[in-house]
Structures are given as structure tokens and as C-alpha cells.
């Protein structure tokens, strides 16, 4: 994995870092899920809602989500990372991406 994080990985205009990078990561992940995975249910997605149990995320959606994470945040999602503990809720995805970004920064 490359240790270079894309300038726009945190969602800031022009690549500048926002004051709360974790909040920026969460916003981008929630926006992706809302725009690409949620059916118009009228319900607000809670950050701890199981995406699998609620029917929001299936195997195809998981692959699309992984592609988004890799492109948007410059992280590599290995086969062994494809577990519910990493991808089953907004909170889990944010923690997973945060850990990947922290590892990239330390390199």
C-alpha cells in the first residue's frame, strides 16, 4: 500500500485538511451510503445500524463500498478485511478507514 494519502481523502476543498478529519471521513461515508446503497425508506440511518441485517448492504454493495473506500481514501482493503467488524455500520467503516489512514501516515 502506498503511504501517500490523496489530497482530497478527507473531503476538504482543494485538499486542505479540515479541523476534524474524522468528521469529514464520516460525512463522506454517510453520503456514499445514502446516495448509493439506501433505498428511499424515509428512515434516518443511525451510525450503529447494521447495514447487513437491515438489508442495506449485500455482497454486491459490499464490493461497491470497498471500491469507494479505496478510491476516496487511498486505502487498500485486503480480502481478510472483508468482515462485518469492518463494514457492517457507519461506525465500523469509519473506525476501519481511520485505522488504515493512521497506518499510512505512520509509514
Protein backbone atom coordinates (compact mmCIF):
# COMPACT_ATOMS: atom_id res chain seq x y z
CA UNK A 1 0.00 0.00 0.00
CA UNK A 2 1.18 3.44 -0.84
CA UNK A 3 1.90 5.74 2.06
CA UNK A 4 0.62 8.73 0.12
CA UNK A 5 -2.91 9.78 1.03
CA UNK A 6 -4.78 11.58 -1.74
CA UNK A 7 -5.05 15.31 -1.13
CA UNK A 8 -8.82 15.09 -1.15
CA UNK A 9 -9.03 11.98 1.08
CA UNK A 10 -10.57 13.97 3.90
CA UNK A 11 -13.03 15.73 1.65
CA UNK A 12 -11.66 19.23 2.09
CA UNK A 13 -11.86 21.59 -0.87
CA UNK A 14 -8.52 22.00 -2.58
CA UNK A 15 -7.06 19.20 -0.47
CA UNK A 16 -6.70 21.30 2.68
CA UNK A 17 -7.22 19.42 5.94
CA UNK A 18 -10.41 20.28 7.81
CA UNK A 19 -10.31 20.87 11.57
CA UNK A 20 -11.95 17.48 12.32
CA UNK A 21 -10.73 14.90 9.79
CA UNK A 22 -12.71 12.08 11.45
CA UNK A 23 -15.92 14.04 10.95
CA UNK A 24 -15.01 14.59 7.29
CA UNK A 25 -14.44 10.85 6.81
CA UNK A 26 -17.79 10.10 8.48
CA UNK A 27 -19.60 12.64 6.27
CA UNK A 28 -18.16 11.15 3.08
CA UNK A 29 -19.02 7.60 4.13
CA UNK A 30 -22.57 8.53 5.16
CA UNK A 31 -23.05 10.45 1.91
CA UNK A 32 -21.87 7.46 -0.14
CA UNK A 33 -24.18 5.07 1.68
CA UNK A 34 -27.14 7.46 1.40
CA UNK A 35 -26.60 8.12 -2.29
CA UNK A 36 -25.67 4.60 -3.42
CA UNK A 37 -26.98 1.96 -1.03
CA UNK A 38 -30.07 3.27 0.75
CA UNK A 39 -33.42 2.72 -0.82
CA UNK A 40 -35.78 5.60 -0.20
CA UNK A 41 -37.10 4.28 3.11
CA UNK A 42 -37.66 7.66 4.69
CA UNK A 43 -35.76 6.47 7.77
CA UNK A 44 -32.61 8.16 9.01
CA UNK A 45 -29.57 5.90 9.04
CA UNK A 46 -28.05 5.66 12.52
CA UNK A 47 -24.27 5.28 12.72
CA UNK A 48 -24.57 1.97 14.59
CA UNK A 49 -27.26 0.42 12.35
CA UNK A 50 -26.19 -2.96 10.94
CA UNK A 51 -26.03 -2.45 7.20
CA UNK A 52 -26.26 -6.21 6.57
CA UNK A 53 -29.11 -7.00 8.98
CA UNK A 54 -31.12 -4.02 7.76
CA UNK A 55 -30.73 -5.15 4.14
CA UNK A 56 -28.81 -2.05 3.08
CA UNK A 57 -25.58 -3.90 2.24
CA UNK A 58 -25.44 -7.11 0.22
CA UNK A 59 -22.41 -8.75 -1.43
CA UNK A 60 -22.56 -6.50 -4.50
CA UNK A 61 -22.99 -3.42 -2.33
CA UNK A 62 -20.01 -4.51 -0.23
CA UNK A 63 -17.79 -4.68 -3.32
CA UNK A 64 -19.01 -1.25 -4.44
CA UNK A 65 -18.38 0.12 -0.93
CA UNK A 66 -14.84 -1.29 -0.95
CA UNK A 67 -14.16 0.32 -4.34
CA UNK A 68 -15.41 3.64 -2.97
CA UNK A 69 -13.23 3.38 0.17
CA UNK A 70 -10.13 2.56 -1.86
CA UNK A 71 -10.70 5.40 -4.31
CA UNK A 72 -11.95 8.05 -1.88
CA UNK A 73 -9.43 7.49 0.90
CA UNK A 74 -6.49 5.85 -0.86
CA UNK A 75 -6.62 2.76 1.34
CA UNK A 76 -6.24 -0.87 0.33
CA UNK A 77 -8.91 -3.27 1.52
CA UNK A 78 -7.45 -6.77 1.64
CA UNK A 79 -9.55 -9.93 1.45
CA UNK A 80 -9.06 -10.52 5.17
CA UNK A 81 -10.52 -7.05 5.84
CA UNK A 82 -13.88 -8.04 4.32
CA UNK A 83 -15.57 -8.89 7.60
CA UNK A 84 -18.65 -7.42 9.31
CA UNK A 85 -16.49 -5.94 12.07
CA UNK A 86 -15.07 -3.56 9.44
CA UNK A 87 -18.01 -2.91 7.13
CA UNK A 88 -21.32 -3.51 8.94
CA UNK A 89 -22.13 0.03 10.14
CA UNK A 90 -21.09 3.60 9.60
CA UNK A 91 -19.20 3.45 12.92
CA UNK A 92 -17.38 0.27 11.89
CA UNK A 93 -16.46 1.66 8.47
CA UNK A 94 -15.20 4.92 9.98
CA UNK A 95 -13.05 3.06 12.51
CA UNK A 96 -11.68 0.79 9.76
CA UNK A 97 -10.83 3.70 7.44
CA UNK A 98 -9.37 5.68 10.34
CA UNK A 99 -7.08 2.78 11.25
CA UNK A 100 -5.99 2.37 7.63
CA UNK A 101 -5.26 6.10 7.30
CA UNK A 102 -3.35 6.12 10.59
CA UNK A 103 -1.19 3.23 9.37
CA UNK A 104 -0.50 5.08 6.11
CA UNK A 105 0.53 8.24 7.99
CA UNK A 106 2.93 6.32 10.22
CA UNK A 107 4.77 4.87 7.20
